[in-house]
Amino acid sequence: MKQSEIFRENAENCAHLAEGADSEPVFNRYKRMEAAWRALADEQDWLDGEVSPSRAPGVHAGNGHAPAGLALLDSVHERPVKVSR
């Protein structure tokens, strides 16, 4: 199984956990985690050469370089999510 498929399975798990969330903050947390796993899967596809640079999410101006970190959006409020490193 490819690494990106594992990441997408993790995203699906987060989506299911969000459905069963008992509060809005918990729901939002799982949705952010889902978005992060999906972004990571897309970037892994790019790194593995599965997606051409011009079609890769977050690749700017078709220059072939992936960003240092994909911008994650809060899927509920559509504002950037802070990622600590």
C-alpha atoms as a PDB file:
ATOM      1  CA  MET A   1       0.000   0.000   0.000  1.00  0.00           C
ATOM      2  CA  LYS A   2       1.307   3.440  -0.918  1.00  0.00           C
ATOM      3  CA  GLN A   3       2.034   5.952   1.816  1.00  0.00           C
ATOM      4  CA  SER A   4      -0.516   8.396   0.367  1.00  0.00           C
ATOM      5  CA  GLU A   5      -3.233   5.722   0.623  1.00  0.00           C
ATOM      6  CA  ILE A   6      -2.445   5.279   4.312  1.00  0.00           C
ATOM      7  CA  PHE A   7      -2.706   9.054   4.764  1.00  0.00           C
ATOM      8  CA  ARG A   8      -6.108   9.053   3.025  1.00  0.00           C
ATOM      9  CA  GLU A   9      -7.305   6.223   5.277  1.00  0.00           C
ATOM     10  CA  ASN A  10      -6.280   8.346   8.260  1.00  0.00           C
ATOM     11  CA  ALA A  11      -8.295  11.224   6.782  1.00  0.00           C
ATOM     12  CA  GLU A  12     -11.346   8.968   6.471  1.00  0.00           C
ATOM     13  CA  ASN A  13     -10.942   7.877  10.089  1.00  0.00           C
ATOM     14  CA  CYS A  14     -10.898  11.520  11.155  1.00  0.00           C
ATOM     15  CA  ALA A  15     -14.033  12.186   9.094  1.00  0.00           C
ATOM     16  CA  HIS A  16     -15.845   9.328  10.855  1.00  0.00           C
ATOM     17  CA  LEU A  17     -14.682  10.569  14.247  1.00  0.00           C
ATOM     18  CA  ALA A  18     -15.974  14.056  13.368  1.00  0.00           C
ATOM     19  CA  GLU A  19     -19.405  12.609  12.610  1.00  0.00           C
ATOM     20  CA  GLY A  20     -19.589  11.233  16.145  1.00  0.00           C
ATOM     21  CA  ALA A  21     -18.187  14.324  17.864  1.00  0.00           C
ATOM     22  CA  ASP A  22     -20.139  15.501  20.887  1.00  0.00           C
ATOM     23  CA  SER A  23     -19.166  19.166  20.640  1.00  0.00           C
ATOM     24  CA  GLU A  24     -18.289  21.734  18.015  1.00  0.00           C
ATOM     25  CA  PRO A  25     -14.645  22.123  19.128  1.00  0.00           C
ATOM     26  CA  VAL A  26     -14.111  18.369  18.874  1.00  0.00           C
ATOM     27  CA  PHE A  27     -15.832  18.266  15.482  1.00  0.00           C
ATOM     28  CA  ASN A  28     -13.659  21.135  14.234  1.00  0.00           C
ATOM     29  CA  ARG A  29     -10.496  19.451  15.512  1.00  0.00           C
ATOM     30  CA  TYR A  30     -11.256  16.213  13.628  1.00  0.00           C
ATOM     31  CA  LYS A  31     -12.139  18.132  10.461  1.00  0.00           C
ATOM     32  CA  ARG A  32      -8.818  20.002  10.641  1.00  0.00           C
ATOM     33  CA  MET A  33      -7.014  16.702  11.132  1.00  0.00           C
ATOM     34  CA  GLU A  34      -8.876  15.256   8.142  1.00  0.00           C
ATOM     35  CA  ALA A  35      -7.817  18.205   5.972  1.00  0.00           C
ATOM     36  CA  ALA A  36      -4.218  17.874   7.148  1.00  0.00           C
ATOM     37  CA  TRP A  37      -4.079  14.157   6.288  1.00  0.00           C
ATOM     38  CA  ARG A  38      -5.562  14.832   2.827  1.00  0.00           C
ATOM     39  CA  ALA A  39      -3.034  17.613   2.172  1.00  0.00           C
ATOM     40  CA  LEU A  40      -0.231  15.313   3.286  1.00  0.00           C
ATOM     41  CA  ALA A  41      -1.503  12.563   0.963  1.00  0.00           C
ATOM     42  CA  ASP A  42      -1.604  14.991  -1.975  1.00  0.00           C
ATOM     43  CA  GLU A  43       1.912  16.187  -1.257  1.00  0.00           C
ATOM     44  CA  GLN A  44       3.142  12.585  -0.929  1.00  0.00           C
ATOM     45  CA  ASP A  45       1.636  11.814  -4.355  1.00  0.00           C
ATOM     46  CA  TRP A  46       3.598  14.766  -5.731  1.00  0.00           C
ATOM     47  CA  LEU A  47       6.808  13.595  -4.042  1.00  0.00           C
ATOM     48  CA  ASP A  48       6.301  10.089  -5.444  1.00  0.00           C
ATOM     49  CA  GLY A  49       5.840  11.493  -8.961  1.00  0.00           C
ATOM     50  CA  GLU A  50       2.200  10.410  -9.110  1.00  0.00           C
ATOM     51  CA  VAL A  51       1.028  13.937  -9.908  1.00  0.00           C
ATOM     52  CA  SER A  52       2.696  16.339 -12.312  1.00  0.00           C
ATOM     53  CA  PRO A  53       4.031  19.563 -10.764  1.00  0.00           C
ATOM     54  CA  SER A  54       1.446  21.661 -12.614  1.00  0.00           C
ATOM     55  CA  ARG A  55      -1.414  19.668 -11.054  1.00  0.00           C
ATOM     56  CA  ALA A  56      -0.016  19.315  -7.551  1.00  0.00           C
ATOM     57  CA  PRO A  57      -1.895  21.207  -4.866  1.00  0.00           C
ATOM     58  CA  GLY A  58       0.012  24.165  -3.559  1.00  0.00           C
ATOM     59  CA  VAL A  59       2.610  24.267  -6.320  1.00  0.00           C
ATOM     60  CA  HIS A  60       2.977  27.895  -7.305  1.00  0.00           C
ATOM     61  CA  ALA A  61       3.251  29.215 -10.855  1.00  0.00           C
ATOM     62  CA  GLY A  62       4.089  25.790 -12.232  1.00  0.00           C
ATOM     63  CA  ASN A  63       7.704  26.144 -11.125  1.00  0.00           C
ATOM     64  CA  GLY A  64       7.847  22.495 -10.082  1.00  0.00           C
ATOM     65  CA  HIS A  65       8.705  23.187  -6.464  1.00  0.00           C
ATOM     66  CA  ALA A  66       6.422  22.047  -3.686  1.00  0.00           C
ATOM     67  CA  PRO A  67       5.938  24.513  -0.860  1.00  0.00           C
ATOM     68  CA  ALA A  68       7.719  23.849   2.422  1.00  0.00           C
ATOM     69  CA  GLY A  69       4.299  23.193   3.963  1.00  0.00           C
ATOM     70  CA  LEU A  70       0.895  23.174   2.357  1.00  0.00           C
ATOM     71  CA  ALA A  71      -1.446  25.772   3.767  1.00  0.00           C
ATOM     72  CA  LEU A  72      -4.137  23.974   5.711  1.00  0.00           C
ATOM     73  CA  LEU A  73      -7.569  25.496   5.836  1.00  0.00           C
ATOM     74  CA  ASP A  74     -10.074  25.045   8.585  1.00  0.00           C
ATOM     75  CA  SER A  75     -12.750  23.286   6.515  1.00  0.00           C
ATOM     76  CA  VAL A  76     -15.527  24.806   8.594  1.00  0.00           C
ATOM     77  CA  HIS A  77     -14.392  28.432   8.747  1.00  0.00           C
ATOM     78  CA  GLU A  78     -12.022  28.420   5.724  1.00  0.00           C
ATOM     79  CA  ARG A  79      -9.236  30.268   7.431  1.00  0.00           C
ATOM     80  CA  PRO A  80      -5.615  29.138   7.736  1.00  0.00           C
ATOM     81  CA  VAL A  81      -4.816  26.654  10.461  1.00  0.00           C
ATOM     82  CA  LYS A  82      -1.648  27.261  12.450  1.00  0.00           C
ATOM     83  CA  VAL A  83       0.709  24.302  12.322  1.00  0.00           C
ATOM     84  CA  SER A  84       3.434  24.118  14.935  1.00  0.00           C
ATOM     85  CA  ARG A  85       6.701  22.451  14.065  1.00  0.00           C
END
